[in-house]
N, C-alpha and C. Protein backbone atom coordinates (compact mmCIF):
# COMPACT_ATOMS: atom_id res chain seq x y z
N UNK A 1 12.54 82.63 -42.17
CA UNK A 1 11.95 83.37 -43.27
C UNK A 1 10.46 83.03 -43.35
N UNK A 2 9.63 84.05 -43.35
CA UNK A 2 8.19 83.86 -43.47
C UNK A 2 7.79 84.04 -44.93
N UNK A 3 7.12 83.05 -45.46
CA UNK A 3 6.71 83.09 -46.86
C UNK A 3 5.23 83.39 -46.99
N UNK A 4 4.89 84.01 -48.09
CA UNK A 4 3.50 84.18 -48.49
C UNK A 4 2.90 82.77 -48.64
N UNK A 5 1.65 82.55 -48.26
CA UNK A 5 1.05 81.22 -48.40
C UNK A 5 1.10 80.67 -49.83
N UNK A 6 0.98 81.54 -50.81
CA UNK A 6 1.06 81.07 -52.21
C UNK A 6 2.46 80.62 -52.57
N UNK A 7 3.49 81.26 -52.00
CA UNK A 7 4.86 80.82 -52.23
C UNK A 7 5.12 79.50 -51.51
N UNK A 8 4.56 79.35 -50.31
CA UNK A 8 4.68 78.07 -49.60
C UNK A 8 4.06 76.95 -50.42
N UNK A 9 2.95 77.25 -51.08
CA UNK A 9 2.25 76.25 -51.90
C UNK A 9 3.14 75.74 -53.03
N UNK A 10 3.86 76.63 -53.71
CA UNK A 10 4.68 76.13 -54.82
C UNK A 10 5.88 75.33 -54.32
N UNK A 11 6.35 75.63 -53.12
CA UNK A 11 7.41 74.80 -52.55
C UNK A 11 6.87 73.40 -52.25
N UNK A 12 5.68 73.33 -51.69
CA UNK A 12 5.05 72.03 -51.43
C UNK A 12 4.85 71.26 -52.74
N UNK A 13 4.39 71.94 -53.77
CA UNK A 13 4.20 71.28 -55.07
C UNK A 13 5.53 70.75 -55.62
N UNK A 14 6.58 71.56 -55.51
CA UNK A 14 7.90 71.14 -56.00
C UNK A 14 8.43 69.94 -55.20
N UNK A 15 8.23 69.97 -53.88
CA UNK A 15 8.65 68.83 -53.05
C UNK A 15 7.89 67.57 -53.44
N UNK A 16 6.58 67.73 -53.65
CA UNK A 16 5.73 66.58 -53.96
C UNK A 16 6.12 65.92 -55.27
N UNK A 17 6.32 66.72 -56.31
CA UNK A 17 6.65 66.14 -57.61
C UNK A 17 8.05 65.50 -57.58
N UNK A 18 8.96 66.11 -56.84
CA UNK A 18 10.30 65.54 -56.70
C UNK A 18 10.23 64.18 -56.02
N UNK A 19 9.48 64.11 -54.92
CA UNK A 19 9.36 62.85 -54.19
C UNK A 19 8.63 61.79 -55.01
N UNK A 20 7.55 62.19 -55.66
CA UNK A 20 6.75 61.23 -56.44
C UNK A 20 7.58 60.59 -57.55
N UNK A 21 8.43 61.38 -58.20
CA UNK A 21 9.22 60.85 -59.31
C UNK A 21 10.60 60.37 -58.89
N UNK A 22 10.96 60.58 -57.64
CA UNK A 22 12.29 60.18 -57.18
C UNK A 22 13.40 60.92 -57.91
N UNK A 23 13.16 62.17 -58.22
CA UNK A 23 14.09 62.98 -59.01
C UNK A 23 15.02 63.80 -58.13
N UNK A 24 16.10 64.23 -58.73
CA UNK A 24 17.06 65.07 -58.02
C UNK A 24 16.50 66.46 -57.74
N UNK A 25 15.66 66.96 -58.65
CA UNK A 25 15.10 68.30 -58.51
C UNK A 25 13.60 68.29 -58.72
N UNK A 26 12.94 69.18 -58.03
CA UNK A 26 11.53 69.47 -58.27
C UNK A 26 11.38 70.97 -58.35
N UNK A 27 10.51 71.44 -59.21
CA UNK A 27 10.29 72.88 -59.32
C UNK A 27 8.82 73.13 -59.53
N UNK A 28 8.40 74.33 -59.18
CA UNK A 28 7.03 74.76 -59.45
C UNK A 28 7.07 76.25 -59.72
N UNK A 29 6.22 76.68 -60.63
CA UNK A 29 6.11 78.10 -60.95
C UNK A 29 4.63 78.50 -60.89
N UNK A 30 4.41 79.79 -60.65
CA UNK A 30 3.05 80.34 -60.65
C UNK A 30 3.03 81.46 -61.68
N UNK A 31 2.06 81.39 -62.62
CA UNK A 31 2.01 82.42 -63.65
C UNK A 31 1.21 83.63 -63.21
N UNK A 32 1.06 84.58 -64.11
CA UNK A 32 0.40 85.84 -63.79
C UNK A 32 -1.08 85.70 -63.49
N UNK A 33 -1.66 84.56 -63.84
CA UNK A 33 -3.09 84.33 -63.55
C UNK A 33 -3.28 83.48 -62.29
N UNK A 34 -2.17 83.03 -61.69
CA UNK A 34 -2.25 82.20 -60.49
C UNK A 34 -2.18 80.71 -60.76
N UNK A 35 -2.13 80.32 -62.03
CA UNK A 35 -1.99 78.89 -62.35
C UNK A 35 -0.60 78.41 -61.95
N UNK A 36 -0.53 77.16 -61.50
CA UNK A 36 0.75 76.59 -61.10
C UNK A 36 1.13 75.42 -61.98
N UNK A 37 2.41 75.23 -62.12
CA UNK A 37 2.97 74.14 -62.93
C UNK A 37 4.11 73.54 -62.14
N UNK A 38 4.13 72.22 -62.00
CA UNK A 38 5.18 71.54 -61.25
C UNK A 38 5.86 70.52 -62.15
N UNK A 39 7.17 70.38 -61.98
CA UNK A 39 7.92 69.48 -62.86
C UNK A 39 9.19 69.01 -62.16
N UNK A 40 9.77 67.97 -62.71
CA UNK A 40 11.08 67.49 -62.26
C UNK A 40 12.07 67.65 -63.41
N UNK A 41 13.33 67.46 -63.07
CA UNK A 41 14.36 67.52 -64.10
C UNK A 41 14.20 66.35 -65.07
N UNK A 42 14.71 66.53 -66.27
CA UNK A 42 14.70 65.49 -67.31
C UNK A 42 16.16 65.17 -67.60
N UNK A 43 16.52 63.92 -67.48
CA UNK A 43 17.90 63.50 -67.72
C UNK A 43 17.91 62.30 -68.65
N UNK A 44 17.82 62.59 -69.93
CA UNK A 44 17.87 61.56 -70.97
C UNK A 44 19.18 61.70 -71.74
N UNK A 45 19.54 60.70 -72.49
CA UNK A 45 20.75 60.83 -73.31
C UNK A 45 20.61 61.96 -74.31
N UNK A 46 19.43 62.12 -74.88
CA UNK A 46 19.23 63.11 -75.93
C UNK A 46 18.67 64.44 -75.43
N UNK A 47 18.31 64.53 -74.16
CA UNK A 47 17.70 65.76 -73.65
C UNK A 47 17.95 65.90 -72.16
N UNK A 48 18.51 67.03 -71.75
CA UNK A 48 18.73 67.31 -70.35
C UNK A 48 18.16 68.69 -70.04
N UNK A 49 17.20 68.74 -69.12
CA UNK A 49 16.58 69.99 -68.69
C UNK A 49 16.47 69.99 -67.18
N UNK A 50 16.66 71.16 -66.59
CA UNK A 50 16.47 71.27 -65.15
C UNK A 50 14.97 71.29 -64.85
N UNK A 51 14.63 71.09 -63.61
CA UNK A 51 13.22 71.12 -63.21
C UNK A 51 12.63 72.51 -63.44
N UNK A 52 13.40 73.55 -63.18
CA UNK A 52 12.91 74.92 -63.42
C UNK A 52 12.63 75.11 -64.91
N UNK A 53 13.52 74.66 -65.75
CA UNK A 53 13.33 74.80 -67.20
C UNK A 53 12.08 74.07 -67.67
N UNK A 54 11.83 72.88 -67.15
CA UNK A 54 10.64 72.12 -67.55
C UNK A 54 9.37 72.83 -67.06
N UNK A 55 9.36 73.30 -65.82
CA UNK A 55 8.19 73.99 -65.28
C UNK A 55 7.90 75.26 -66.07
N UNK A 56 8.94 76.01 -66.40
CA UNK A 56 8.76 77.23 -67.18
C UNK A 56 8.25 76.89 -68.57
N UNK A 57 8.79 75.87 -69.20
CA UNK A 57 8.33 75.47 -70.53
C UNK A 57 6.86 75.06 -70.50
N UNK A 58 6.45 74.36 -69.45
CA UNK A 58 5.03 73.98 -69.31
C UNK A 58 4.16 75.23 -69.21
N UNK A 59 4.58 76.20 -68.42
CA UNK A 59 3.80 77.43 -68.26
C UNK A 59 3.70 78.20 -69.56
N UNK A 60 4.82 78.39 -70.23
CA UNK A 60 4.83 79.14 -71.48
C UNK A 60 4.01 78.43 -72.55
N UNK A 61 4.15 77.11 -72.64
CA UNK A 61 3.40 76.38 -73.66
C UNK A 61 1.91 76.32 -73.35
N UNK A 62 1.53 76.67 -72.11
CA UNK A 62 0.12 76.75 -71.73
C UNK A 62 -0.43 78.17 -71.85
N UNK A 63 0.40 79.09 -72.32
CA UNK A 63 -0.07 80.45 -72.56
C UNK A 63 0.35 81.50 -71.57
N UNK A 64 1.15 81.13 -70.57
CA UNK A 64 1.60 82.13 -69.59
C UNK A 64 2.49 83.16 -70.28
N UNK A 65 2.33 84.41 -69.85
CA UNK A 65 3.16 85.49 -70.40
C UNK A 65 4.24 85.92 -69.41
N UNK A 66 4.00 85.69 -68.14
CA UNK A 66 4.97 86.04 -67.11
C UNK A 66 4.76 85.14 -65.90
N UNK A 67 5.71 85.19 -64.98
CA UNK A 67 5.62 84.39 -63.76
C UNK A 67 5.63 85.30 -62.55
N UNK A 68 4.82 84.95 -61.58
CA UNK A 68 4.82 85.66 -60.29
C UNK A 68 5.87 85.09 -59.36
N UNK A 69 6.10 83.77 -59.45
CA UNK A 69 7.03 83.11 -58.53
C UNK A 69 7.53 81.81 -59.12
N UNK A 70 8.70 81.40 -58.64
CA UNK A 70 9.28 80.12 -59.05
C UNK A 70 10.02 79.54 -57.85
N UNK A 71 9.93 78.23 -57.68
CA UNK A 71 10.60 77.55 -56.57
C UNK A 71 11.33 76.32 -57.07
N UNK A 72 12.47 76.06 -56.48
CA UNK A 72 13.27 74.89 -56.77
C UNK A 72 13.51 74.14 -55.48
N UNK A 73 13.29 72.83 -55.48
CA UNK A 73 13.61 71.98 -54.34
C UNK A 73 14.69 71.02 -54.80
N UNK A 74 15.83 71.10 -54.12
CA UNK A 74 16.98 70.32 -54.54
C UNK A 74 18.00 70.30 -53.40
N UNK A 75 18.88 69.32 -53.43
CA UNK A 75 19.98 69.33 -52.47
C UNK A 75 21.01 70.38 -52.86
N UNK A 76 21.06 70.70 -54.14
CA UNK A 76 21.98 71.73 -54.62
C UNK A 76 21.26 73.05 -54.80
N UNK A 77 21.87 73.91 -55.57
CA UNK A 77 21.28 75.21 -55.82
C UNK A 77 20.89 75.36 -57.27
N UNK A 78 20.31 76.48 -57.61
CA UNK A 78 19.89 76.72 -58.99
C UNK A 78 21.10 77.01 -59.88
N UNK A 79 20.97 76.67 -61.13
CA UNK A 79 22.02 77.01 -62.09
C UNK A 79 21.82 78.45 -62.54
N UNK A 80 22.81 78.97 -63.20
CA UNK A 80 22.69 80.32 -63.76
C UNK A 80 21.56 80.36 -64.77
N UNK A 81 21.36 79.27 -65.52
CA UNK A 81 20.27 79.22 -66.51
C UNK A 81 18.91 79.24 -65.82
N UNK A 82 18.78 78.57 -64.68
CA UNK A 82 17.52 78.60 -63.93
C UNK A 82 17.21 80.02 -63.48
N UNK A 83 18.18 80.67 -62.92
CA UNK A 83 17.99 82.04 -62.44
C UNK A 83 17.67 82.98 -63.60
N UNK A 84 18.33 82.78 -64.74
CA UNK A 84 18.12 83.65 -65.90
C UNK A 84 16.72 83.50 -66.48
N UNK A 85 16.24 82.26 -66.62
CA UNK A 85 14.91 82.07 -67.21
C UNK A 85 13.83 82.58 -66.26
N UNK A 86 14.01 82.42 -64.97
CA UNK A 86 13.03 82.95 -64.02
C UNK A 86 13.01 84.47 -64.08
N UNK A 87 14.19 85.09 -64.12
CA UNK A 87 14.27 86.55 -64.19
C UNK A 87 13.68 87.08 -65.49
N UNK A 88 13.92 86.39 -66.58
CA UNK A 88 13.39 86.83 -67.88
C UNK A 88 11.87 86.93 -67.86
N UNK A 89 11.24 86.08 -67.06
CA UNK A 89 9.78 86.06 -67.00
C UNK A 89 9.23 86.85 -65.81
N UNK A 90 10.08 87.63 -65.14
CA UNK A 90 9.60 88.55 -64.12
C UNK A 90 9.77 88.13 -62.68
N UNK A 91 10.38 86.97 -62.42
CA UNK A 91 10.58 86.51 -61.05
C UNK A 91 11.75 87.28 -60.44
N UNK A 92 11.48 87.94 -59.33
CA UNK A 92 12.53 88.74 -58.68
C UNK A 92 13.55 87.87 -57.96
N UNK A 93 13.10 86.81 -57.31
CA UNK A 93 14.02 85.91 -56.60
C UNK A 93 13.48 84.49 -56.66
N UNK A 94 14.28 83.59 -57.18
CA UNK A 94 13.93 82.18 -57.23
C UNK A 94 13.99 81.63 -55.81
N UNK A 95 12.88 81.03 -55.36
CA UNK A 95 12.85 80.40 -54.04
C UNK A 95 13.58 79.06 -54.12
N UNK A 96 14.50 78.82 -53.22
CA UNK A 96 15.26 77.57 -53.23
C UNK A 96 15.10 76.92 -51.86
N UNK A 97 14.71 75.65 -51.87
CA UNK A 97 14.52 74.91 -50.62
C UNK A 97 15.20 73.56 -50.72
N UNK A 98 15.56 73.05 -49.57
CA UNK A 98 16.11 71.70 -49.51
C UNK A 98 14.97 70.68 -49.59
N UNK A 99 15.32 69.40 -49.69
CA UNK A 99 14.30 68.36 -49.78
C UNK A 99 13.28 68.36 -48.64
N UNK A 100 13.67 68.90 -47.48
CA UNK A 100 12.75 68.95 -46.34
C UNK A 100 11.81 70.17 -46.40
N UNK A 101 12.00 71.02 -47.42
CA UNK A 101 11.15 72.19 -47.58
C UNK A 101 11.68 73.46 -46.93
N UNK A 102 12.83 73.35 -46.25
CA UNK A 102 13.41 74.53 -45.61
C UNK A 102 13.99 75.44 -46.68
N UNK A 103 13.51 76.67 -46.70
CA UNK A 103 13.98 77.64 -47.68
C UNK A 103 15.37 78.10 -47.31
N UNK A 104 16.23 78.10 -48.32
CA UNK A 104 17.60 78.60 -48.14
C UNK A 104 17.68 79.99 -48.74
N UNK A 105 18.47 80.80 -48.13
CA UNK A 105 18.52 81.99 -48.77
C UNK A 105 19.01 83.24 -48.59
C-alpha cells in the first residue's frame, strides 16, 4: 500500500509517541488546517481512553473542526469507538499499522 507522505508522517508520529511512552497504543490525527496531534492511550483507575480518543480530544480542544486523517499504531485493531469518532470528524478510513509501521488493511 502506497501512502500519501502526510499520512506516512502521522504513522511515524503515532509510532514515536507509542515508543517514547512505552504504551500499548499510539495515535496521531491531522486536522483540516494540517496541524497534527499525537497521543497514547490512558489507562488509569478513574479514566480509560484509547490513543485515538486522546488525539481527537487534543485536536478538538485546540479548535479543530474536522480531521483529514487519523492513524493508530497498535498490535491490535481499532475499537468501534475509535472508528466512530474518526468518522464523525470526517475521516474516511482510519489508518492502522503495527508497531513496525506496516499498514494493515
